[in-house]
């Protein structure tokens, strides 16, 4: 896994959780602490959030660009 995040602030991302698709906006990124870990991405969800948090930190490996 890369240490540097591929996503950039302002980019739209999507995640599929339990068969439901969620779209969010990348607010900030944080490098992985060490090799083998995924970078952390701060995401603000649009619409109904997947959990009780409107803004949360998510591993980059769980997200993909909304345009792909």
PDB file of N, CA and C in Angstrom:
ATOM      1  N   UNK A   1       0.843  -1.180   0.000  1.00  0.00           N
ATOM      2  CA  UNK A   1       0.000   0.000   0.000  1.00  0.00           C
ATOM      3  C   UNK A   1       0.885   1.240   0.000  1.00  0.00           C
ATOM      4  N   UNK A   2       0.462   2.274  -0.722  1.00  0.00           N
ATOM      5  CA  UNK A   2       1.266   3.497  -0.740  1.00  0.00           C
ATOM      6  C   UNK A   2       1.119   4.273   0.563  1.00  0.00           C
ATOM      7  N   UNK A   3       2.164   5.010   0.883  1.00  0.00           N
ATOM      8  CA  UNK A   3       2.128   5.845   2.082  1.00  0.00           C
ATOM      9  C   UNK A   3       1.430   7.170   1.786  1.00  0.00           C
ATOM     10  N   UNK A   4       1.685   7.730   0.588  1.00  0.00           N
ATOM     11  CA  UNK A   4       1.078   9.001   0.191  1.00  0.00           C
ATOM     12  C   UNK A   4      -0.339   8.764  -0.336  1.00  0.00           C
ATOM     13  N   UNK A   5      -1.302   9.608   0.046  1.00  0.00           N
ATOM     14  CA  UNK A   5      -2.669   9.449  -0.451  1.00  0.00           C
ATOM     15  C   UNK A   5      -2.778   9.811  -1.926  1.00  0.00           C
ATOM     16  N   UNK A   6      -3.628   9.106  -2.647  1.00  0.00           N
ATOM     17  CA  UNK A   6      -3.881   9.398  -4.059  1.00  0.00           C
ATOM     18  C   UNK A   6      -4.972  10.450  -4.216  1.00  0.00           C
ATOM     19  N   UNK A   7      -5.871  10.509  -3.265  1.00  0.00           N
ATOM     20  CA  UNK A   7      -6.983  11.452  -3.328  1.00  0.00           C
ATOM     21  C   UNK A   7      -6.525  12.831  -2.863  1.00  0.00           C
ATOM     22  N   UNK A   8      -7.195  13.860  -3.363  1.00  0.00           N
ATOM     23  CA  UNK A   8      -6.867  15.249  -3.042  1.00  0.00           C
ATOM     24  C   UNK A   8      -8.084  15.936  -2.428  1.00  0.00           C
ATOM     25  N   UNK A   9      -7.857  16.933  -1.545  1.00  0.00           N
ATOM     26  CA  UNK A   9      -8.984  17.693  -0.998  1.00  0.00           C
ATOM     27  C   UNK A   9      -9.817  18.322  -2.115  1.00  0.00           C
ATOM     28  N   UNK A  10     -11.130  18.285  -1.939  1.00  0.00           N
ATOM     29  CA  UNK A  10     -12.049  18.814  -2.929  1.00  0.00           C
ATOM     30  C   UNK A  10     -12.553  17.775  -3.920  1.00  0.00           C
ATOM     31  N   UNK A  11     -11.995  16.578  -3.884  1.00  0.00           N
ATOM     32  CA  UNK A  11     -12.379  15.511  -4.801  1.00  0.00           C
ATOM     33  C   UNK A  11     -13.606  14.776  -4.266  1.00  0.00           C
ATOM     34  N   UNK A  12     -14.502  14.374  -5.164  1.00  0.00           N
ATOM     35  CA  UNK A  12     -15.660  13.574  -4.776  1.00  0.00           C
ATOM     36  C   UNK A  12     -15.270  12.103  -4.749  1.00  0.00           C
ATOM     37  N   UNK A  13     -15.712  11.402  -3.715  1.00  0.00           N
ATOM     38  CA  UNK A  13     -15.412   9.984  -3.567  1.00  0.00           C
ATOM     39  C   UNK A  13     -16.699   9.227  -3.283  1.00  0.00           C
ATOM     40  N   UNK A  14     -16.637   7.914  -3.460  1.00  0.00           N
ATOM     41  CA  UNK A  14     -17.788   7.081  -3.130  1.00  0.00           C
ATOM     42  C   UNK A  14     -17.315   5.846  -2.376  1.00  0.00           C
ATOM     43  N   UNK A  15     -18.203   5.330  -1.570  1.00  0.00           N
ATOM     44  CA  UNK A  15     -17.946   4.106  -0.816  1.00  0.00           C
ATOM     45  C   UNK A  15     -19.213   3.264  -0.855  1.00  0.00           C
ATOM     46  N   UNK A  16     -19.037   1.961  -0.940  1.00  0.00           N
ATOM     47  CA  UNK A  16     -20.173   1.041  -0.893  1.00  0.00           C
ATOM     48  C   UNK A  16     -20.104   0.289   0.434  1.00  0.00           C
ATOM     49  N   UNK A  17     -21.127   0.478   1.241  1.00  0.00           N
ATOM     50  CA  UNK A  17     -21.190  -0.141   2.561  1.00  0.00           C
ATOM     51  C   UNK A  17     -22.511  -0.890   2.654  1.00  0.00           C
ATOM     52  N   UNK A  18     -22.431  -2.190   2.864  1.00  0.00           N
ATOM     53  CA  UNK A  18     -23.611  -3.062   2.982  1.00  0.00           C
ATOM     54  C   UNK A  18     -24.539  -2.904   1.778  1.00  0.00           C
ATOM     55  N   UNK A  19     -23.963  -2.768   0.576  1.00  0.00           N
ATOM     56  CA  UNK A  19     -24.753  -2.687  -0.634  1.00  0.00           C
ATOM     57  C   UNK A  19     -25.292  -1.311  -0.962  1.00  0.00           C
ATOM     58  N   UNK A  20     -25.101  -0.331  -0.076  1.00  0.00           N
ATOM     59  CA  UNK A  20     -25.563   1.037  -0.329  1.00  0.00           C
ATOM     60  C   UNK A  20     -24.380   1.902  -0.732  1.00  0.00           C
ATOM     61  N   UNK A  21     -24.588   2.776  -1.733  1.00  0.00           N
ATOM     62  CA  UNK A  21     -23.524   3.645  -2.220  1.00  0.00           C
ATOM     63  C   UNK A  21     -23.639   5.018  -1.569  1.00  0.00           C
ATOM     64  N   UNK A  22     -22.524   5.513  -1.043  1.00  0.00           N
ATOM     65  CA  UNK A  22     -22.468   6.815  -0.394  1.00  0.00           C
ATOM     66  C   UNK A  22     -21.450   7.681  -1.113  1.00  0.00           C
ATOM     67  N   UNK A  23     -21.774   8.963  -1.253  1.00  0.00           N
ATOM     68  CA  UNK A  23     -20.893   9.913  -1.922  1.00  0.00           C
ATOM     69  C   UNK A  23     -20.473  10.965  -0.905  1.00  0.00           C
ATOM     70  N   UNK A  24     -19.196  11.358  -0.977  1.00  0.00           N
ATOM     71  CA  UNK A  24     -18.687  12.348  -0.044  1.00  0.00           C
ATOM     72  C   UNK A  24     -17.628  13.230  -0.681  1.00  0.00           C
ATOM     73  N   UNK A  25     -17.249  14.271   0.043  1.00  0.00           N
ATOM     74  CA  UNK A  25     -16.248  15.234  -0.386  1.00  0.00           C
ATOM     75  C   UNK A  25     -15.015  15.086   0.490  1.00  0.00           C
ATOM     76  N   UNK A  26     -13.844  14.985  -0.133  1.00  0.00           N
ATOM     77  CA  UNK A  26     -12.590  14.881   0.617  1.00  0.00           C
ATOM     78  C   UNK A  26     -12.264  16.253   1.209  1.00  0.00           C
ATOM     79  N   UNK A  27     -12.144  16.320   2.533  1.00  0.00           N
ATOM     80  CA  UNK A  27     -11.787  17.565   3.204  1.00  0.00           C
ATOM     81  C   UNK A  27     -10.284  17.674   3.422  1.00  0.00           C
ATOM     82  N   UNK A  28      -9.662  16.570   3.832  1.00  0.00           N
ATOM     83  CA  UNK A  28      -8.215  16.571   4.060  1.00  0.00           C
ATOM     84  C   UNK A  28      -7.689  15.142   3.957  1.00  0.00           C
ATOM     85  N   UNK A  29      -6.380  15.035   3.812  1.00  0.00           N
ATOM     86  CA  UNK A  29      -5.734  13.723   3.724  1.00  0.00           C
ATOM     87  C   UNK A  29      -4.598  13.659   4.727  1.00  0.00           C
ATOM     88  N   UNK A  30      -4.264  12.446   5.142  1.00  0.00           N
ATOM     89  CA  UNK A  30      -3.164  12.220   6.075  1.00  0.00           C
ATOM     90  C   UNK A  30      -2.374  11.011   5.598  1.00  0.00           C
ATOM     91  N   UNK A  31      -1.058  11.143   5.566  1.00  0.00           N
ATOM     92  CA  UNK A  31      -0.198  10.043   5.140  1.00  0.00           C
ATOM     93  C   UNK A  31      -0.396   8.829   6.046  1.00  0.00           C
ATOM     94  N   UNK A  32      -0.086   7.670   5.502  1.00  0.00           N
ATOM     95  CA  UNK A  32      -0.108   6.448   6.310  1.00  0.00           C
ATOM     96  C   UNK A  32       1.019   6.527   7.346  1.00  0.00           C
ATOM     97  N   UNK A  33       0.782   6.006   8.518  1.00  0.00           N
ATOM     98  CA  UNK A  33       1.788   6.061   9.579  1.00  0.00           C
ATOM     99  C   UNK A  33       2.994   5.190   9.258  1.00  0.00           C
ATOM    100  N   UNK A  34       2.764   4.082   8.574  1.00  0.00           N
ATOM    101  CA  UNK A  34       3.868   3.191   8.188  1.00  0.00           C
ATOM    102  C   UNK A  34       3.405   2.333   7.013  1.00  0.00           C
ATOM    103  N   UNK A  35       4.357   1.682   6.400  1.00  0.00           N
ATOM    104  CA  UNK A  35       4.031   0.819   5.259  1.00  0.00           C
ATOM    105  C   UNK A  35       3.059  -0.288   5.694  1.00  0.00           C
ATOM    106  N   UNK A  36       2.188  -0.654   4.781  1.00  0.00           N
ATOM    107  CA  UNK A  36       1.196  -1.680   5.086  1.00  0.00           C
ATOM    108  C   UNK A  36      -0.110  -1.108   5.611  1.00  0.00           C
ATOM    109  N   UNK A  37      -0.109   0.183   5.966  1.00  0.00           N
ATOM    110  CA  UNK A  37      -1.336   0.848   6.413  1.00  0.00           C
ATOM    111  C   UNK A  37      -1.837   1.756   5.301  1.00  0.00           C
ATOM    112  N   UNK A  38      -3.107   2.028   5.285  1.00  0.00           N
ATOM    113  CA  UNK A  38      -3.710   2.885   4.274  1.00  0.00           C
ATOM    114  C   UNK A  38      -3.718   4.334   4.761  1.00  0.00           C
ATOM    115  N   UNK A  39      -3.513   5.316   3.853  1.00  0.00           N
ATOM    116  CA  UNK A  39      -3.651   6.721   4.255  1.00  0.00           C
ATOM    117  C   UNK A  39      -5.072   6.991   4.763  1.00  0.00           C
ATOM    118  N   UNK A  40      -5.213   7.961   5.640  1.00  0.00           N
ATOM    119  CA  UNK A  40      -6.522   8.321   6.181  1.00  0.00           C
ATOM    120  C   UNK A  40      -7.047   9.549   5.456  1.00  0.00           C
ATOM    121  N   UNK A  41      -8.335   9.502   5.118  1.00  0.00           N
ATOM    122  CA  UNK A  41      -8.985  10.568   4.371  1.00  0.00           C
ATOM    123  C   UNK A  41     -10.151  11.088   5.205  1.00  0.00           C
ATOM    124  N   UNK A  42     -10.218  12.413   5.404  1.00  0.00           N
ATOM    125  CA  UNK A  42     -11.348  13.016   6.102  1.00  0.00           C
ATOM    126  C   UNK A  42     -12.432  13.308   5.067  1.00  0.00           C
ATOM    127  N   UNK A  43     -13.599  12.705   5.245  1.00  0.00           N
ATOM    128  CA  UNK A  43     -14.685  12.786   4.261  1.00  0.00           C
ATOM    129  C   UNK A  43     -15.910  13.419   4.910  1.00  0.00           C
ATOM    130  N   UNK A  44     -16.536  14.351   4.180  1.00  0.00           N
ATOM    131  CA  UNK A  44     -17.836  14.881   4.578  1.00  0.00           C
ATOM    132  C   UNK A  44     -18.863  14.253   3.659  1.00  0.00           C
ATOM    133  N   UNK A  45     -19.768  13.450   4.230  1.00  0.00           N
ATOM    134  CA  UNK A  45     -20.750  12.718   3.440  1.00  0.00           C
ATOM    135  C   UNK A  45     -21.860  13.645   2.988  1.00  0.00           C
ATOM    136  N   UNK A  46     -22.375  13.404   1.774  1.00  0.00           N
ATOM    137  CA  UNK A  46     -23.534  14.149   1.281  1.00  0.00           C
ATOM    138  C   UNK A  46     -24.765  13.275   1.468  1.00  0.00           C
ATOM    139  N   UNK A  47     -25.899  13.909   1.640  1.00  0.00           N
ATOM    140  CA  UNK A  47     -27.129  13.139   1.863  1.00  0.00           C
ATOM    141  C   UNK A  47     -27.102  12.441   3.217  1.00  0.00           C
ATOM    142  N   UNK A  48     -27.652  11.264   3.260  1.00  0.00           N
ATOM    143  CA  UNK A  48     -27.699  10.467   4.496  1.00  0.00           C
ATOM    144  C   UNK A  48     -26.346   9.795   4.711  1.00  0.00           C
ATOM    145  N   UNK A  49     -25.648  10.097   5.831  1.00  0.00           N
ATOM    146  CA  UNK A  49     -24.342   9.473   6.066  1.00  0.00           C
ATOM    147  C   UNK A  49     -24.480   7.982   6.408  1.00  0.00           C
ATOM    148  N   UNK A  50     -23.420   7.194   6.133  1.00  0.00           N
ATOM    149  CA  UNK A  50     -23.494   5.758   6.408  1.00  0.00           C
ATOM    150  C   UNK A  50     -23.559   5.429   7.897  1.00  0.00           C
ATOM    151  N   UNK A  51     -23.028   6.304   8.719  1.00  0.00           N
ATOM    152  CA  UNK A  51     -23.088   6.121  10.175  1.00  0.00           C
ATOM    153  C   UNK A  51     -23.661   7.401  10.777  1.00  0.00           C
ATOM    154  N   UNK A  52     -23.512   7.593  12.054  1.00  0.00           N
ATOM    155  CA  UNK A  52     -24.075   8.775  12.717  1.00  0.00           C
ATOM    156  C   UNK A  52     -23.200  10.014  12.562  1.00  0.00           C
ATOM    157  N   UNK A  53     -22.124   9.927  11.792  1.00  0.00           N
ATOM    158  CA  UNK A  53     -21.185  11.037  11.678  1.00  0.00           C
ATOM    159  C   UNK A  53     -21.270  11.662  10.296  1.00  0.00           C
ATOM    160  N   UNK A  54     -21.451  12.964  10.217  1.00  0.00           N
ATOM    161  CA  UNK A  54     -21.474  13.678   8.941  1.00  0.00           C
ATOM    162  C   UNK A  54     -20.061  13.760   8.362  1.00  0.00           C
ATOM    163  N   UNK A  55     -19.054  13.973   9.239  1.00  0.00           N
ATOM    164  CA  UNK A  55     -17.647  14.037   8.824  1.00  0.00           C
ATOM    165  C   UNK A  55     -16.898  12.950   9.589  1.00  0.00           C
ATOM    166  N   UNK A  56     -16.092  12.157   8.878  1.00  0.00           N
ATOM    167  CA  UNK A  56     -15.321  11.107   9.544  1.00  0.00           C
ATOM    168  C   UNK A  56     -14.049  10.796   8.767  1.00  0.00           C
ATOM    169  N   UNK A  57     -13.104  10.151   9.445  1.00  0.00           N
ATOM    170  CA  UNK A  57     -11.866   9.704   8.821  1.00  0.00           C
ATOM    171  C   UNK A  57     -12.050   8.261   8.352  1.00  0.00           C
ATOM    172  N   UNK A  58     -11.703   8.015   7.081  1.00  0.00           N
ATOM    173  CA  UNK A  58     -11.899   6.716   6.453  1.00  0.00           C
ATOM    174  C   UNK A  58     -10.585   6.304   5.800  1.00  0.00           C
ATOM    175  N   UNK A  59     -10.270   5.013   5.854  1.00  0.00           N
ATOM    176  CA  UNK A  59      -9.075   4.531   5.161  1.00  0.00           C
ATOM    177  C   UNK A  59      -9.273   4.694   3.659  1.00  0.00           C
ATOM    178  N   UNK A  60      -8.214   5.142   2.987  1.00  0.00           N
ATOM    179  CA  UNK A  60      -8.300   5.383   1.551  1.00  0.00           C
ATOM    180  C   UNK A  60      -8.647   4.113   0.771  1.00  0.00           C
ATOM    181  N   UNK A  61      -8.243   2.966   1.275  1.00  0.00           N
ATOM    182  CA  UNK A  61      -8.520   1.709   0.566  1.00  0.00           C
ATOM    183  C   UNK A  61     -10.017   1.405   0.474  1.00  0.00           C
ATOM    184  N   UNK A  62     -10.843   2.037   1.302  1.00  0.00           N
ATOM    185  CA  UNK A  62     -12.289   1.814   1.281  1.00  0.00           C
ATOM    186  C   UNK A  62     -13.012   2.753   0.327  1.00  0.00           C
ATOM    187  N   UNK A  63     -12.291   3.755  -0.212  1.00  0.00           N
ATOM    188  CA  UNK A  63     -12.894   4.767  -1.064  1.00  0.00           C
ATOM    189  C   UNK A  63     -12.415   4.633  -2.501  1.00  0.00           C
ATOM    190  N   UNK A  64     -13.198   5.191  -3.410  1.00  0.00           N
ATOM    191  CA  UNK A  64     -12.742   5.327  -4.788  1.00  0.00           C
ATOM    192  C   UNK A  64     -13.325   6.627  -5.334  1.00  0.00           C
ATOM    193  N   UNK A  65     -12.726   7.120  -6.392  1.00  0.00           N
ATOM    194  CA  UNK A  65     -13.180   8.364  -7.005  1.00  0.00           C
ATOM    195  C   UNK A  65     -14.604   8.201  -7.497  1.00  0.00           C
ATOM    196  N   UNK A  66     -15.415   9.234  -7.344  1.00  0.00           N
ATOM    197  CA  UNK A  66     -16.812   9.179  -7.781  1.00  0.00           C
ATOM    198  C   UNK A  66     -16.923   9.205  -9.298  1.00  0.00           C
ATOM    199  N   UNK A  67     -15.842   9.535  -9.990  1.00  0.00           N
ATOM    200  CA  UNK A  67     -15.881   9.646 -11.451  1.00  0.00           C
ATOM    201  C   UNK A  67     -15.383   8.399 -12.162  1.00  0.00           C
ATOM    202  N   UNK A  68     -15.027   7.345 -11.433  1.00  0.00           N
ATOM    203  CA  UNK A  68     -14.521   6.147 -12.113  1.00  0.00           C
ATOM    204  C   UNK A  68     -15.613   5.128 -12.347  1.00  0.00           C
TER     205      UNK A  68
END
